[in-house]
Amino acid sequence: MTRSPDALPVLDVRGVARRFGRRLLFRDLSFSLSGGECLAVTGVNGSGKSTLLRILAGVMSPSEGTVSLRVNGTDLTQEAHPLHAGLVAPYVNVYAGFSPRENLRFIARARRLANEEQRIEETLASVGLARRMHDRVSTFSSGMVQRVKLAAALLSDPPLLLLDEPNEHLDEEGRRMISAVIEARLQAGAIMVVATNDEREAKRYARTLCVEEYR
C-alpha cells in the first residue's frame, strides 16, 4: 500500500556509537532516510554491520547517540520502534517445528493484525512459498528458511525493513525474488537498509555507508 508524502516514514540517526567493552565498532554515525530510500551498509565481516542493523531496528541500544523512527508524522517511543521494523538476519530464527503458515499466524496474532489469513497467504506467495506453506520448516533447505524469515519480516507491512545479508543461501531465483521485494517495498514508501558484503549488490543503491569509515 503506497503511503502519501506526508505520511512517509523517516529514520533519523544522530551521533551513534557502539562499544563492547573497550572495543569500538563505530562512532559519530549520522544520517537520515525517508520512505522510498534504500541504504546499503558495507564493511568486512566483524566490522559492525549486523550491530548497526540491530540498533536501527530498535532491538539494541547505541552506546552514544540517538535513533528515532517517525511514522505518520509521529516519533515512535523506544518501546514501539521495534514493532514498526522488520529485520531479516542469520541470527533471527523461526520455529522449525511449525509450518510457514503457522509461524506467520503466531506473529499475526501477537501483533493483532487485521485480515490475518489473507495477509499470511499474500505474504507467503510474495516470497515463493505458496506451495509449501503447510510443510514443516525443519524440512526446508537453508534458502527456503531464508524465505520464511523474509515473510515473517514483511507480514506486518513495516515502514522500516532491514536486511542483513539477504542473499545468503539463495540461488539466482531467490536473489531475483529479494530484488523484487526490495523494489516493491520502496515503491510502497518504506525505508530499506541492506547490509551486504557483495559489491555488486551495494552498487545497486544510490546511498552507501561503510561502517569501517566510522572508527
N, C-alpha and C. Protein backbone atom coordinates (compact mmCIF):
# COMPACT_ATOMS: atom_id res chain seq x y z
N MET A 1 0.85 -1.20 0.00
CA MET A 1 0.00 0.00 0.00
C MET A 1 0.88 1.24 0.00
N THR A 2 0.71 2.12 -0.98
CA THR A 2 1.54 3.32 -1.11
C THR A 2 1.13 4.37 -0.08
N ARG A 3 2.11 4.95 0.58
CA ARG A 3 1.84 5.97 1.59
C ARG A 3 1.88 7.34 0.95
N SER A 4 1.05 8.27 1.45
CA SER A 4 1.07 9.64 0.97
C SER A 4 2.38 10.30 1.40
N PRO A 5 2.83 11.35 0.66
CA PRO A 5 4.11 12.00 1.00
C PRO A 5 4.18 12.46 2.44
N ASP A 6 3.09 12.99 2.98
CA ASP A 6 3.10 13.48 4.36
C ASP A 6 3.22 12.35 5.38
N ALA A 7 2.88 11.14 4.95
CA ALA A 7 2.89 10.01 5.88
C ALA A 7 4.12 9.14 5.73
N LEU A 8 5.06 9.54 4.88
CA LEU A 8 6.26 8.73 4.68
C LEU A 8 7.07 8.64 5.97
N PRO A 9 7.58 7.46 6.27
CA PRO A 9 8.39 7.31 7.48
C PRO A 9 9.74 8.00 7.33
N VAL A 10 10.34 8.34 8.46
CA VAL A 10 11.66 8.97 8.50
C VAL A 10 12.49 8.29 9.58
N LEU A 11 13.67 7.83 9.21
CA LEU A 11 14.63 7.26 10.15
C LEU A 11 15.75 8.27 10.34
N ASP A 12 15.95 8.72 11.57
CA ASP A 12 16.94 9.75 11.86
C ASP A 12 17.98 9.20 12.83
N VAL A 13 19.23 9.21 12.40
CA VAL A 13 20.35 8.67 13.19
C VAL A 13 21.31 9.80 13.47
N ARG A 14 21.61 10.03 14.76
CA ARG A 14 22.44 11.17 15.14
C ARG A 14 23.53 10.76 16.12
N GLY A 15 24.80 10.88 15.69
CA GLY A 15 25.96 10.67 16.55
C GLY A 15 26.03 9.30 17.19
N VAL A 16 25.62 8.28 16.47
CA VAL A 16 25.54 6.94 17.05
C VAL A 16 26.92 6.28 17.14
N ALA A 17 27.18 5.69 18.27
CA ALA A 17 28.40 4.90 18.50
C ALA A 17 28.00 3.61 19.20
N ARG A 18 28.83 2.59 19.03
CA ARG A 18 28.60 1.33 19.74
C ARG A 18 29.94 0.74 20.16
N ARG A 19 30.05 0.45 21.44
CA ARG A 19 31.24 -0.17 22.01
C ARG A 19 30.85 -1.44 22.73
N PHE A 20 31.75 -2.41 22.71
CA PHE A 20 31.63 -3.60 23.53
C PHE A 20 32.88 -3.64 24.40
N GLY A 21 32.73 -3.20 25.65
CA GLY A 21 33.90 -3.03 26.49
C GLY A 21 34.80 -1.95 25.92
N ARG A 22 36.06 -2.27 25.69
CA ARG A 22 36.99 -1.31 25.12
C ARG A 22 36.99 -1.32 23.60
N ARG A 23 36.27 -2.27 23.03
CA ARG A 23 36.27 -2.38 21.56
C ARG A 23 35.24 -1.43 20.95
N LEU A 24 35.71 -0.56 20.07
CA LEU A 24 34.84 0.38 19.37
C LEU A 24 34.51 -0.16 17.99
N LEU A 25 33.22 -0.33 17.70
CA LEU A 25 32.80 -0.75 16.36
C LEU A 25 32.66 0.44 15.43
N PHE A 26 31.95 1.47 15.90
CA PHE A 26 31.78 2.68 15.09
C PHE A 26 31.39 3.83 16.01
N ARG A 27 31.54 5.05 15.51
CA ARG A 27 31.20 6.23 16.30
C ARG A 27 30.81 7.38 15.37
N ASP A 28 30.12 8.36 15.95
CA ASP A 28 29.74 9.58 15.23
C ASP A 28 29.08 9.27 13.90
N LEU A 29 28.15 8.33 13.94
CA LEU A 29 27.46 7.90 12.72
C LEU A 29 26.13 8.63 12.64
N SER A 30 25.94 9.42 11.59
CA SER A 30 24.72 10.21 11.43
C SER A 30 24.21 10.14 10.00
N PHE A 31 22.91 9.94 9.86
CA PHE A 31 22.27 10.00 8.54
C PHE A 31 20.76 10.02 8.74
N SER A 32 20.04 10.35 7.68
CA SER A 32 18.59 10.35 7.70
C SER A 32 18.07 9.69 6.43
N LEU A 33 17.04 8.88 6.58
CA LEU A 33 16.41 8.20 5.44
C LEU A 33 14.91 8.44 5.50
N SER A 34 14.33 8.69 4.32
CA SER A 34 12.88 8.85 4.22
C SER A 34 12.30 7.69 3.43
N GLY A 35 10.99 7.53 3.51
CA GLY A 35 10.32 6.47 2.78
C GLY A 35 10.65 6.49 1.30
N GLY A 36 10.92 5.32 0.74
CA GLY A 36 11.30 5.21 -0.66
C GLY A 36 12.79 5.23 -0.89
N GLU A 37 13.58 5.37 0.20
CA GLU A 37 15.04 5.40 0.09
C GLU A 37 15.63 4.10 0.63
N CYS A 38 16.77 3.71 0.03
CA CYS A 38 17.47 2.50 0.45
C CYS A 38 18.93 2.81 0.70
N LEU A 39 19.45 2.32 1.81
CA LEU A 39 20.86 2.49 2.17
C LEU A 39 21.53 1.13 2.20
N ALA A 40 22.66 1.01 1.52
CA ALA A 40 23.48 -0.20 1.59
C ALA A 40 24.57 0.01 2.63
N VAL A 41 24.65 -0.89 3.59
CA VAL A 41 25.68 -0.84 4.63
C VAL A 41 26.74 -1.88 4.29
N THR A 42 27.98 -1.42 4.14
CA THR A 42 29.06 -2.31 3.74
C THR A 42 30.15 -2.35 4.81
N GLY A 43 31.09 -3.27 4.64
CA GLY A 43 32.19 -3.45 5.58
C GLY A 43 32.55 -4.91 5.67
N VAL A 44 33.78 -5.20 6.10
CA VAL A 44 34.22 -6.58 6.21
C VAL A 44 33.47 -7.27 7.34
N ASN A 45 33.54 -8.60 7.38
CA ASN A 45 32.92 -9.36 8.46
C ASN A 45 33.48 -8.91 9.80
N GLY A 46 32.60 -8.68 10.76
CA GLY A 46 33.02 -8.24 12.08
C GLY A 46 33.18 -6.75 12.23
N SER A 47 32.87 -6.00 11.18
CA SER A 47 33.05 -4.54 11.23
C SER A 47 31.92 -3.82 11.95
N GLY A 48 30.78 -4.51 12.14
CA GLY A 48 29.67 -3.89 12.87
C GLY A 48 28.40 -3.72 12.07
N LYS A 49 28.32 -4.29 10.88
CA LYS A 49 27.12 -4.14 10.06
C LYS A 49 25.88 -4.69 10.78
N SER A 50 25.99 -5.90 11.29
CA SER A 50 24.85 -6.52 11.96
C SER A 50 24.46 -5.75 13.22
N THR A 51 25.46 -5.28 13.95
CA THR A 51 25.18 -4.49 15.16
C THR A 51 24.43 -3.22 14.80
N LEU A 52 24.86 -2.55 13.73
CA LEU A 52 24.18 -1.34 13.31
C LEU A 52 22.73 -1.62 12.95
N LEU A 53 22.46 -2.70 12.23
CA LEU A 53 21.08 -3.02 11.87
C LEU A 53 20.23 -3.31 13.10
N ARG A 54 20.79 -3.94 14.10
CA ARG A 54 20.04 -4.18 15.34
C ARG A 54 19.68 -2.86 16.01
N ILE A 55 20.62 -1.93 16.00
CA ILE A 55 20.35 -0.62 16.59
C ILE A 55 19.26 0.10 15.81
N LEU A 56 19.33 0.05 14.48
CA LEU A 56 18.31 0.70 13.66
C LEU A 56 16.94 0.06 13.84
N ALA A 57 16.93 -1.23 14.13
CA ALA A 57 15.66 -1.94 14.34
C ALA A 57 15.07 -1.67 15.71
N GLY A 58 15.85 -1.05 16.58
CA GLY A 58 15.36 -0.74 17.91
C GLY A 58 15.47 -1.86 18.91
N VAL A 59 16.23 -2.93 18.57
CA VAL A 59 16.37 -4.06 19.48
C VAL A 59 17.70 -4.03 20.22
N MET A 60 18.54 -3.05 19.95
CA MET A 60 19.80 -2.84 20.67
C MET A 60 19.99 -1.34 20.83
N SER A 61 20.48 -0.93 21.98
CA SER A 61 20.71 0.49 22.24
C SER A 61 22.13 0.89 21.83
N PRO A 62 22.30 2.09 21.26
CA PRO A 62 23.66 2.56 20.97
C PRO A 62 24.37 2.95 22.26
N SER A 63 25.70 2.92 22.23
CA SER A 63 26.47 3.40 23.37
C SER A 63 26.38 4.90 23.49
N GLU A 64 26.26 5.56 22.36
CA GLU A 64 26.08 7.02 22.30
C GLU A 64 25.15 7.34 21.15
N GLY A 65 24.54 8.52 21.21
CA GLY A 65 23.71 8.99 20.11
C GLY A 65 22.27 8.51 20.19
N THR A 66 21.51 8.86 19.16
CA THR A 66 20.08 8.55 19.15
C THR A 66 19.64 8.02 17.79
N VAL A 67 18.61 7.18 17.84
CA VAL A 67 17.95 6.68 16.63
C VAL A 67 16.46 6.87 16.82
N SER A 68 15.83 7.58 15.90
CA SER A 68 14.39 7.80 16.00
C SER A 68 13.71 7.41 14.70
N LEU A 69 12.52 6.87 14.83
CA LEU A 69 11.71 6.47 13.67
C LEU A 69 10.39 7.21 13.75
N ARG A 70 10.09 7.99 12.71
CA ARG A 70 8.85 8.75 12.65
C ARG A 70 7.90 8.07 11.67
N VAL A 71 6.69 7.81 12.11
CA VAL A 71 5.67 7.16 11.28
C VAL A 71 4.40 7.98 11.34
N ASN A 72 3.88 8.33 10.17
CA ASN A 72 2.67 9.16 10.09
C ASN A 72 2.83 10.46 10.87
N GLY A 73 4.05 11.02 10.81
CA GLY A 73 4.31 12.31 11.42
C GLY A 73 4.57 12.27 12.92
N THR A 74 4.62 11.08 13.51
CA THR A 74 4.81 10.96 14.95
C THR A 74 6.07 10.16 15.26
N ASP A 75 6.92 10.69 16.14
CA ASP A 75 8.11 9.96 16.57
C ASP A 75 7.69 8.84 17.50
N LEU A 76 8.12 7.63 17.17
CA LEU A 76 7.74 6.47 17.97
C LEU A 76 8.54 6.42 19.27
N THR A 77 7.94 5.83 20.28
CA THR A 77 8.66 5.60 21.53
C THR A 77 9.66 4.46 21.32
N GLN A 78 10.59 4.32 22.24
CA GLN A 78 11.57 3.23 22.15
C GLN A 78 10.87 1.88 22.18
N GLU A 79 9.79 1.77 22.92
CA GLU A 79 9.07 0.51 23.01
C GLU A 79 8.34 0.17 21.71
N ALA A 80 7.82 1.18 21.02
CA ALA A 80 7.05 0.96 19.79
C ALA A 80 7.95 0.78 18.56
N HIS A 81 9.15 1.31 18.62
CA HIS A 81 10.05 1.28 17.46
C HIS A 81 10.22 -0.14 16.88
N PRO A 82 10.56 -1.16 17.66
CA PRO A 82 10.76 -2.49 17.07
C PRO A 82 9.52 -3.07 16.41
N LEU A 83 8.34 -2.64 16.86
CA LEU A 83 7.10 -3.17 16.29
C LEU A 83 6.83 -2.61 14.90
N HIS A 84 7.56 -1.58 14.50
CA HIS A 84 7.40 -0.97 13.18
C HIS A 84 8.61 -1.24 12.28
N ALA A 85 9.45 -2.19 12.70
CA ALA A 85 10.64 -2.54 11.91
C ALA A 85 10.64 -4.03 11.63
N GLY A 86 10.99 -4.40 10.40
CA GLY A 86 11.16 -5.80 10.04
C GLY A 86 12.63 -6.09 9.85
N LEU A 87 13.13 -7.13 10.51
CA LEU A 87 14.56 -7.46 10.46
C LEU A 87 14.74 -8.88 9.97
N VAL A 88 15.53 -9.04 8.91
CA VAL A 88 15.89 -10.36 8.39
C VAL A 88 17.38 -10.52 8.57
N ALA A 89 17.80 -11.53 9.34
CA ALA A 89 19.22 -11.71 9.63
C ALA A 89 19.49 -13.17 9.98
N PRO A 90 20.75 -13.61 9.84
CA PRO A 90 21.07 -15.01 10.18
C PRO A 90 20.74 -15.38 11.62
N TYR A 91 20.79 -14.40 12.53
CA TYR A 91 20.56 -14.67 13.94
C TYR A 91 19.09 -14.55 14.34
N VAL A 92 18.22 -14.18 13.40
CA VAL A 92 16.78 -14.12 13.66
C VAL A 92 16.17 -15.46 13.24
N ASN A 93 15.56 -16.16 14.17
CA ASN A 93 15.10 -17.52 13.91
C ASN A 93 13.58 -17.60 13.74
N VAL A 94 13.15 -18.67 13.08
CA VAL A 94 11.74 -19.04 13.01
C VAL A 94 11.61 -20.42 13.63
N TYR A 95 10.38 -20.83 13.93
CA TYR A 95 10.16 -22.11 14.59
C TYR A 95 10.22 -23.25 13.58
N ALA A 96 11.24 -24.11 13.72
CA ALA A 96 11.45 -25.19 12.76
C ALA A 96 10.35 -26.23 12.80
N GLY A 97 9.71 -26.39 13.95
CA GLY A 97 8.66 -27.38 14.06
C GLY A 97 7.31 -26.92 13.54
N PHE A 98 7.21 -25.65 13.17
CA PHE A 98 5.99 -25.09 12.61
C PHE A 98 6.11 -25.01 11.09
N SER A 99 4.97 -24.92 10.43
CA SER A 99 4.96 -24.61 9.01
C SER A 99 5.13 -23.11 8.83
N PRO A 100 5.44 -22.65 7.61
CA PRO A 100 5.49 -21.20 7.38
C PRO A 100 4.18 -20.51 7.76
N ARG A 101 3.07 -21.15 7.45
CA ARG A 101 1.78 -20.54 7.78
C ARG A 101 1.60 -20.41 9.29
N GLU A 102 2.01 -21.45 10.03
CA GLU A 102 1.88 -21.41 11.49
C GLU A 102 2.82 -20.36 12.09
N ASN A 103 4.02 -20.23 11.54
CA ASN A 103 4.94 -19.19 12.01
C ASN A 103 4.33 -17.82 11.84
N LEU A 104 3.77 -17.56 10.67
CA LEU A 104 3.19 -16.24 10.40
C LEU A 104 1.90 -16.02 11.18
N ARG A 105 1.15 -17.08 11.41
CA ARG A 105 -0.08 -16.94 12.21
C ARG A 105 0.26 -16.53 13.64
N PHE A 106 1.34 -17.09 14.18
CA PHE A 106 1.78 -16.71 15.53
C PHE A 106 2.12 -15.22 15.59
N ILE A 107 2.84 -14.74 14.57
CA ILE A 107 3.21 -13.32 14.52
C ILE A 107 1.97 -12.45 14.35
N ALA A 108 1.08 -12.86 13.46
CA ALA A 108 -0.12 -12.07 13.18
C ALA A 108 -0.98 -11.90 14.44
N ARG A 109 -1.10 -12.95 15.22
CA ARG A 109 -1.94 -12.87 16.41
C ARG A 109 -1.23 -12.08 17.51
N ALA A 110 0.09 -12.21 17.60
CA ALA A 110 0.83 -11.44 18.59
C ALA A 110 0.72 -9.94 18.31
N ARG A 111 0.67 -9.58 17.03
CA ARG A 111 0.58 -8.16 16.65
C ARG A 111 -0.85 -7.73 16.34
N ARG A 112 -1.79 -8.64 16.49
CA ARG A 112 -3.21 -8.35 16.29
C ARG A 112 -3.46 -7.74 14.91
N LEU A 113 -2.94 -8.40 13.88
CA LEU A 113 -3.11 -7.91 12.52
C LEU A 113 -4.51 -8.20 12.01
N ALA A 114 -5.05 -7.26 11.26
CA ALA A 114 -6.35 -7.46 10.63
C ALA A 114 -6.20 -8.33 9.39
N ASN A 115 -7.30 -8.97 8.97
CA ASN A 115 -7.31 -9.82 7.77
C ASN A 115 -6.15 -10.81 7.82
N GLU A 116 -6.04 -11.49 8.95
CA GLU A 116 -4.89 -12.35 9.24
C GLU A 116 -4.60 -13.38 8.14
N GLU A 117 -5.58 -14.20 7.80
CA GLU A 117 -5.34 -15.29 6.86
C GLU A 117 -5.01 -14.78 5.46
N GLN A 118 -5.72 -13.75 5.01
CA GLN A 118 -5.44 -13.18 3.69
C GLN A 118 -4.03 -12.62 3.64
N ARG A 119 -3.65 -11.90 4.69
CA ARG A 119 -2.32 -11.31 4.74
C ARG A 119 -1.24 -12.39 4.74
N ILE A 120 -1.45 -13.48 5.46
CA ILE A 120 -0.47 -14.57 5.52
C ILE A 120 -0.29 -15.19 4.14
N GLU A 121 -1.39 -15.48 3.47
CA GLU A 121 -1.31 -16.12 2.16
C GLU A 121 -0.62 -15.21 1.14
N GLU A 122 -0.96 -13.93 1.15
CA GLU A 122 -0.34 -13.00 0.22
C GLU A 122 1.16 -12.86 0.47
N THR A 123 1.54 -12.82 1.73
CA THR A 123 2.95 -12.66 2.07
C THR A 123 3.75 -13.89 1.68
N LEU A 124 3.24 -15.07 1.96
CA LEU A 124 3.95 -16.29 1.59
C LEU A 124 4.06 -16.42 0.07
N ALA A 125 3.02 -16.02 -0.65
CA ALA A 125 3.09 -16.06 -2.11
C ALA A 125 4.15 -15.11 -2.64
N SER A 126 4.32 -13.95 -1.98
CA SER A 126 5.28 -12.95 -2.46
C SER A 126 6.72 -13.42 -2.34
N VAL A 127 6.98 -14.40 -1.46
CA VAL A 127 8.35 -14.92 -1.31
C VAL A 127 8.48 -16.32 -1.89
N GLY A 128 7.48 -16.75 -2.65
CA GLY A 128 7.57 -18.03 -3.36
C GLY A 128 7.32 -19.25 -2.50
N LEU A 129 6.52 -19.13 -1.44
CA LEU A 129 6.27 -20.26 -0.56
C LEU A 129 4.81 -20.70 -0.55
N ALA A 130 4.04 -20.29 -1.54
CA ALA A 130 2.61 -20.63 -1.55
C ALA A 130 2.38 -22.14 -1.54
N ARG A 131 3.22 -22.88 -2.25
CA ARG A 131 3.03 -24.34 -2.34
C ARG A 131 3.58 -25.10 -1.14
N ARG A 132 4.38 -24.44 -0.32
CA ARG A 132 5.00 -25.12 0.82
C ARG A 132 4.55 -24.55 2.16
N MET A 133 3.47 -23.79 2.16
CA MET A 133 3.07 -23.08 3.38
C MET A 133 2.64 -24.01 4.50
N HIS A 134 2.28 -25.28 4.18
CA HIS A 134 1.82 -26.20 5.21
C HIS A 134 2.90 -27.20 5.64
N ASP A 135 4.07 -27.16 5.01
CA ASP A 135 5.14 -28.09 5.35
C ASP A 135 5.97 -27.56 6.52
N ARG A 136 6.52 -28.44 7.30
CA ARG A 136 7.34 -28.02 8.43
C ARG A 136 8.63 -27.36 7.94
N VAL A 137 9.01 -26.29 8.62
CA VAL A 137 10.23 -25.57 8.26
C VAL A 137 11.45 -26.47 8.44
N SER A 138 11.38 -27.44 9.33
CA SER A 138 12.52 -28.35 9.56
C SER A 138 12.87 -29.17 8.33
N THR A 139 11.95 -29.24 7.35
CA THR A 139 12.22 -30.00 6.12
C THR A 139 12.77 -29.10 5.02
N PHE A 140 12.97 -27.82 5.31
CA PHE A 140 13.35 -26.85 4.28
C PHE A 140 14.87 -26.75 4.14
N SER A 141 15.28 -26.36 2.95
CA SER A 141 16.68 -26.01 2.72
C SER A 141 16.97 -24.66 3.38
N SER A 142 18.26 -24.32 3.51
CA SER A 142 18.63 -23.03 4.12
C SER A 142 18.07 -21.86 3.32
N GLY A 143 18.00 -22.00 1.99
CA GLY A 143 17.44 -20.95 1.16
C GLY A 143 15.96 -20.73 1.40
N MET A 144 15.23 -21.83 1.61
CA MET A 144 13.80 -21.72 1.87
C MET A 144 13.54 -21.16 3.27
N VAL A 145 14.40 -21.50 4.23
CA VAL A 145 14.27 -20.91 5.56
C VAL A 145 14.45 -19.40 5.48
N GLN A 146 15.39 -18.97 4.62
CA GLN A 146 15.59 -17.53 4.43
C GLN A 146 14.31 -16.87 3.91
N ARG A 147 13.58 -17.55 3.06
CA ARG A 147 12.31 -17.02 2.55
C ARG A 147 11.28 -16.90 3.67
N VAL A 148 11.26 -17.88 4.57
CA VAL A 148 10.33 -17.81 5.71
C VAL A 148 10.66 -16.61 6.58
N LYS A 149 11.94 -16.39 6.84
CA LYS A 149 12.36 -15.23 7.65
C LYS A 149 11.92 -13.93 7.00
N LEU A 150 12.06 -13.86 5.68
CA LEU A 150 11.65 -12.66 4.97
C LEU A 150 10.14 -12.46 5.07
N ALA A 151 9.39 -13.54 4.92
CA ALA A 151 7.93 -13.45 5.04
C ALA A 151 7.54 -12.96 6.43
N ALA A 152 8.22 -13.44 7.45
CA ALA A 152 7.92 -13.03 8.82
C ALA A 152 8.15 -11.53 9.00
N ALA A 153 9.20 -11.01 8.38
CA ALA A 153 9.51 -9.58 8.49
C ALA A 153 8.53 -8.73 7.71
N LEU A 154 8.01 -9.26 6.60
CA LEU A 154 7.12 -8.49 5.74
C LEU A 154 5.67 -8.49 6.21
N LEU A 155 5.31 -9.44 7.03
CA LEU A 155 3.90 -9.70 7.33
C LEU A 155 3.14 -8.46 7.80
N SER A 156 3.74 -7.67 8.67
CA SER A 156 3.03 -6.52 9.24
C SER A 156 3.19 -5.25 8.41
N ASP A 157 3.74 -5.38 7.19
CA ASP A 157 3.92 -4.23 6.31
C ASP A 157 4.71 -3.11 7.02
N PRO A 158 5.92 -3.41 7.53
CA PRO A 158 6.64 -2.44 8.34
C PRO A 158 7.13 -1.26 7.51
N PRO A 159 7.13 -0.06 8.07
CA PRO A 159 7.66 1.11 7.36
C PRO A 159 9.18 1.09 7.26
N LEU A 160 9.84 0.26 8.08
CA LEU A 160 11.29 0.12 8.06
C LEU A 160 11.63 -1.35 7.91
N LEU A 161 12.36 -1.70 6.85
CA LEU A 161 12.76 -3.09 6.61
C LEU A 161 14.28 -3.16 6.52
N LEU A 162 14.88 -4.02 7.35
CA LEU A 162 16.33 -4.14 7.43
C LEU A 162 16.72 -5.57 7.06
N LEU A 163 17.60 -5.68 6.06
CA LEU A 163 18.02 -6.99 5.55
C LEU A 163 19.51 -7.17 5.76
N ASP A 164 19.89 -8.15 6.56
CA ASP A 164 21.29 -8.44 6.85
C ASP A 164 21.73 -9.62 5.99
N GLU A 165 22.54 -9.35 4.98
CA GLU A 165 22.99 -10.37 4.02
C GLU A 165 21.79 -11.15 3.49
N PRO A 166 20.84 -10.48 2.85
CA PRO A 166 19.60 -11.15 2.45
C PRO A 166 19.77 -12.23 1.40
N ASN A 167 20.85 -12.18 0.61
CA ASN A 167 21.05 -13.16 -0.45
C ASN A 167 21.75 -14.43 0.02
N GLU A 168 22.09 -14.48 1.31
CA GLU A 168 22.78 -15.65 1.85
C GLU A 168 21.92 -16.89 1.68
N HIS A 169 22.53 -17.96 1.15
CA HIS A 169 21.89 -19.27 0.94
C HIS A 169 20.89 -19.28 -0.23
N LEU A 170 20.72 -18.16 -0.93
CA LEU A 170 19.73 -18.12 -2.00
C LEU A 170 20.35 -18.40 -3.36
N ASP A 171 19.59 -19.09 -4.22
CA ASP A 171 20.03 -19.30 -5.59
C ASP A 171 19.65 -18.07 -6.42
N GLU A 172 19.87 -18.15 -7.73
CA GLU A 172 19.62 -16.99 -8.58
C GLU A 172 18.15 -16.59 -8.57
N GLU A 173 17.26 -17.57 -8.55
CA GLU A 173 15.83 -17.25 -8.48
C GLU A 173 15.51 -16.53 -7.18
N GLY A 174 16.13 -16.98 -6.08
CA GLY A 174 15.91 -16.35 -4.79
C GLY A 174 16.43 -14.92 -4.77
N ARG A 175 17.56 -14.70 -5.41
CA ARG A 175 18.12 -13.34 -5.47
C ARG A 175 17.19 -12.41 -6.24
N ARG A 176 16.60 -12.92 -7.30
CA ARG A 176 15.65 -12.10 -8.07
C ARG A 176 14.42 -11.78 -7.22
N MET A 177 14.01 -12.75 -6.41
CA MET A 177 12.87 -12.52 -5.52
C MET A 177 13.19 -11.42 -4.51
N ILE A 178 14.40 -11.44 -3.94
CA ILE A 178 14.81 -10.41 -2.99
C ILE A 178 14.79 -9.04 -3.66
N SER A 179 15.32 -8.96 -4.88
CA SER A 179 15.33 -7.69 -5.61
C SER A 179 13.92 -7.18 -5.84
N ALA A 180 13.01 -8.10 -6.18
CA ALA A 180 11.61 -7.70 -6.42
C ALA A 180 10.97 -7.21 -5.13
N VAL A 181 11.25 -7.86 -4.01
CA VAL A 181 10.70 -7.44 -2.73
C VAL A 181 11.21 -6.05 -2.36
N ILE A 182 12.50 -5.83 -2.54
CA ILE A 182 13.08 -4.52 -2.22
C ILE A 182 12.43 -3.43 -3.06
N GLU A 183 12.30 -3.68 -4.34
CA GLU A 183 11.70 -2.69 -5.22
C GLU A 183 10.25 -2.41 -4.83
N ALA A 184 9.51 -3.46 -4.50
CA ALA A 184 8.10 -3.29 -4.12
C ALA A 184 7.98 -2.49 -2.82
N ARG A 185 8.85 -2.76 -1.86
CA ARG A 185 8.79 -2.04 -0.59
C ARG A 185 9.14 -0.56 -0.79
N LEU A 186 10.13 -0.28 -1.64
CA LEU A 186 10.49 1.11 -1.91
C LEU A 186 9.34 1.83 -2.61
N GLN A 187 8.72 1.17 -3.56
CA GLN A 187 7.58 1.77 -4.26
C GLN A 187 6.42 2.04 -3.31
N ALA A 188 6.30 1.22 -2.26
CA ALA A 188 5.23 1.40 -1.28
C ALA A 188 5.57 2.46 -0.24
N GLY A 189 6.78 3.04 -0.32
CA GLY A 189 7.14 4.13 0.59
C GLY A 189 7.83 3.70 1.85
N ALA A 190 8.36 2.48 1.88
CA ALA A 190 9.09 2.02 3.06
C ALA A 190 10.55 2.46 2.99
N ILE A 191 11.21 2.44 4.14
CA ILE A 191 12.65 2.67 4.23
C ILE A 191 13.34 1.31 4.19
N MET A 192 14.41 1.19 3.41
CA MET A 192 15.15 -0.05 3.31
C MET A 192 16.60 0.17 3.72
N VAL A 193 17.14 -0.76 4.51
CA VAL A 193 18.58 -0.78 4.82
C VAL A 193 19.06 -2.20 4.57
N VAL A 194 20.09 -2.33 3.72
CA VAL A 194 20.60 -3.64 3.33
C VAL A 194 22.08 -3.73 3.68
N ALA A 195 22.43 -4.66 4.55
CA ALA A 195 23.84 -4.91 4.88
C ALA A 195 24.35 -6.01 3.96
N THR A 196 25.48 -5.76 3.29
CA THR A 196 25.97 -6.72 2.32
C THR A 196 27.48 -6.66 2.18
N ASN A 197 28.07 -7.83 1.87
CA ASN A 197 29.48 -7.91 1.51
C ASN A 197 29.66 -7.95 0.00
N ASP A 198 28.55 -7.96 -0.72
CA ASP A 198 28.57 -8.07 -2.17
C ASP A 198 28.65 -6.67 -2.79
N GLU A 199 29.78 -6.36 -3.41
CA GLU A 199 29.96 -5.04 -4.01
C GLU A 199 28.95 -4.77 -5.11
N ARG A 200 28.60 -5.79 -5.87
CA ARG A 200 27.61 -5.62 -6.94
C ARG A 200 26.25 -5.26 -6.34
N GLU A 201 25.91 -5.89 -5.22
CA GLU A 201 24.65 -5.59 -4.55
C GLU A 201 24.64 -4.15 -4.06
N ALA A 202 25.74 -3.73 -3.43
CA ALA A 202 25.81 -2.38 -2.87
C ALA A 202 25.69 -1.31 -3.95
N LYS A 203 26.24 -1.57 -5.12
CA LYS A 203 26.24 -0.58 -6.20
C LYS A 203 24.85 -0.36 -6.79
N ARG A 204 23.90 -1.22 -6.44
CA ARG A 204 22.55 -1.06 -6.96
C ARG A 204 21.83 0.12 -6.31
N TYR A 205 22.34 0.57 -5.17
CA TYR A 205 21.63 1.58 -4.41
C TYR A 205 22.35 2.92 -4.47
N ALA A 206 21.57 3.99 -4.40
CA ALA A 206 22.13 5.34 -4.55
C ALA A 206 22.99 5.74 -3.36
N ARG A 207 22.67 5.19 -2.19
CA ARG A 207 23.40 5.58 -0.98
C ARG A 207 24.07 4.37 -0.35
N THR A 208 25.32 4.56 0.07
CA THR A 208 26.05 3.50 0.75
C THR A 208 26.73 4.07 2.00
N LEU A 209 26.96 3.23 2.96
CA LEU A 209 27.65 3.61 4.18
C LEU A 209 28.60 2.47 4.55
N CYS A 210 29.89 2.77 4.62
CA CYS A 210 30.90 1.79 5.01
C CYS A 210 31.16 1.95 6.49
N VAL A 211 30.81 0.96 7.29
CA VAL A 211 30.94 1.03 8.74
C VAL A 211 32.39 1.29 9.15
N GLU A 212 33.33 0.75 8.41
CA GLU A 212 34.74 0.86 8.78
C GLU A 212 35.25 2.31 8.73
N GLU A 213 34.55 3.18 8.05
CA GLU A 213 34.97 4.57 7.97
C GLU A 213 34.56 5.39 9.19
N TYR A 214 33.89 4.76 10.16
CA TYR A 214 33.39 5.48 11.32
C TYR A 214 34.02 4.97 12.63
N ARG A 215 35.34 4.76 12.58
CA ARG A 215 36.04 4.29 13.77
C ARG A 215 36.94 5.37 14.31
